Protein backbone atom coordinates (compact mmCIF):
# COMPACT_ATOMS: atom_id res chain seq x y z
CA MET A 1 0.00 0.00 0.00
CA CYS A 2 1.40 3.35 -1.02
CA ILE A 3 0.18 6.64 0.43
CA LYS A 4 0.87 9.76 -1.57
CA VAL A 5 1.58 12.74 0.65
CA THR A 6 1.06 16.04 -1.06
CA LYS A 7 2.04 19.52 0.01
CA LEU A 8 -1.61 20.16 0.81
CA HIS A 9 -1.63 17.36 3.40
CA ILE A 10 1.58 18.65 4.97
CA VAL A 11 0.08 22.13 5.29
CA ASP A 12 -3.05 20.66 6.88
CA VAL A 13 -0.98 18.71 9.40
CA LEU A 14 1.16 21.77 10.11
CA THR A 15 -1.95 23.88 10.70
CA ILE A 16 -3.26 21.34 13.20
CA LEU A 17 0.07 21.15 15.03
CA ILE A 18 0.25 24.94 15.24
CA GLU A 19 -3.31 25.10 16.56
CA TRP A 20 -2.47 22.51 19.23
CA THR A 21 0.65 24.48 20.13
CA MET A 22 -1.27 27.73 20.47
CA GLU A 23 -3.83 25.94 22.64
CA GLY A 24 -0.97 24.67 24.80
CA LEU A 25 0.30 28.24 25.20
CA ASP A 26 -3.13 29.63 26.06
CA LEU A 27 -2.89 30.74 29.66
CA GLU A 28 -6.65 30.88 30.18
CA LYS A 29 -7.09 27.27 29.06
CA ALA A 30 -4.22 26.19 31.28
CA MET A 31 -5.76 27.96 34.28
CA ALA A 32 -9.02 26.11 33.62
CA GLN A 33 -7.30 22.82 34.46
CA PRO A 34 -8.48 21.41 37.81
CA GLU A 35 -5.08 20.85 39.46
CA THR A 36 -1.82 22.79 39.59
CA THR A 37 0.08 19.84 38.11
CA PHE A 38 -2.17 19.81 35.06
CA LYS A 39 -1.75 23.58 34.61
CA VAL A 40 2.02 23.25 34.57
CA ARG A 41 1.92 20.27 32.19
CA HIS A 42 -0.44 22.14 29.86
CA LEU A 43 1.91 25.12 29.55
CA LYS A 44 5.02 22.93 29.45
CA MET A 45 3.71 21.00 26.44
CA GLY A 46 2.81 24.23 24.65
CA ILE A 47 6.30 25.59 25.23
CA MET A 48 7.97 22.36 24.11
CA MET A 49 5.83 22.09 20.97
CA SER A 50 6.52 25.70 20.03
CA SER A 51 10.26 25.26 20.45
CA VAL A 52 10.22 22.12 18.29
CA LEU A 53 8.08 23.69 15.57
CA CYS A 54 10.20 26.86 15.46
CA THR A 55 13.34 24.80 14.88
CA CYS A 56 11.91 22.70 12.02
CA ASP A 57 12.44 24.96 9.02
CA SER A 58 11.99 28.57 8.01
CA TYR A 59 8.47 28.06 6.61
CA THR A 60 7.23 26.51 9.85
CA SER A 61 8.88 29.22 11.93
CA PHE A 62 7.31 31.87 9.72
CA ARG A 63 3.86 30.29 10.15
CA MET A 64 4.35 30.15 13.92
CA LEU A 65 5.44 33.78 14.27
CA VAL A 66 3.35 35.55 11.63
CA GLY A 67 0.28 33.42 11.08
CA TYR A 68 -0.46 33.03 14.75
CA PRO A 69 0.51 36.09 16.79
CA LEU A 70 1.49 35.54 20.39
CA MET A 71 -1.46 35.09 22.66
CA PHE A 72 0.06 36.59 25.79
CA THR A 73 -2.25 39.13 27.36
CA HIS A 74 -0.71 39.26 30.81
CA HIS A 75 2.65 40.90 31.29
CA LEU A 76 2.74 40.50 35.05
CA PRO A 77 3.69 37.33 36.86
CA ILE A 78 0.80 35.23 38.08
CA THR A 79 0.46 32.45 40.59
CA VAL A 80 -0.56 28.97 39.46
CA LEU A 81 -3.10 27.94 42.09
């Protein structure tokens, strides 16, 4: 069985990975987690996915930085409780 992967499929997969990454970096969604451990894991995975995606290639980095602007609304430190 041979599966043909086209550029369109790669872009679709990349879009999904970027959306998951942005969800992992969303502070409000992380704070909605029931326990502190889950909040930390949520943000940790978003940070790890963003660092991996930004080191893939220039196109992926460009999509991460331009296509999806940073979602940080808080500039002050917060407590994770």
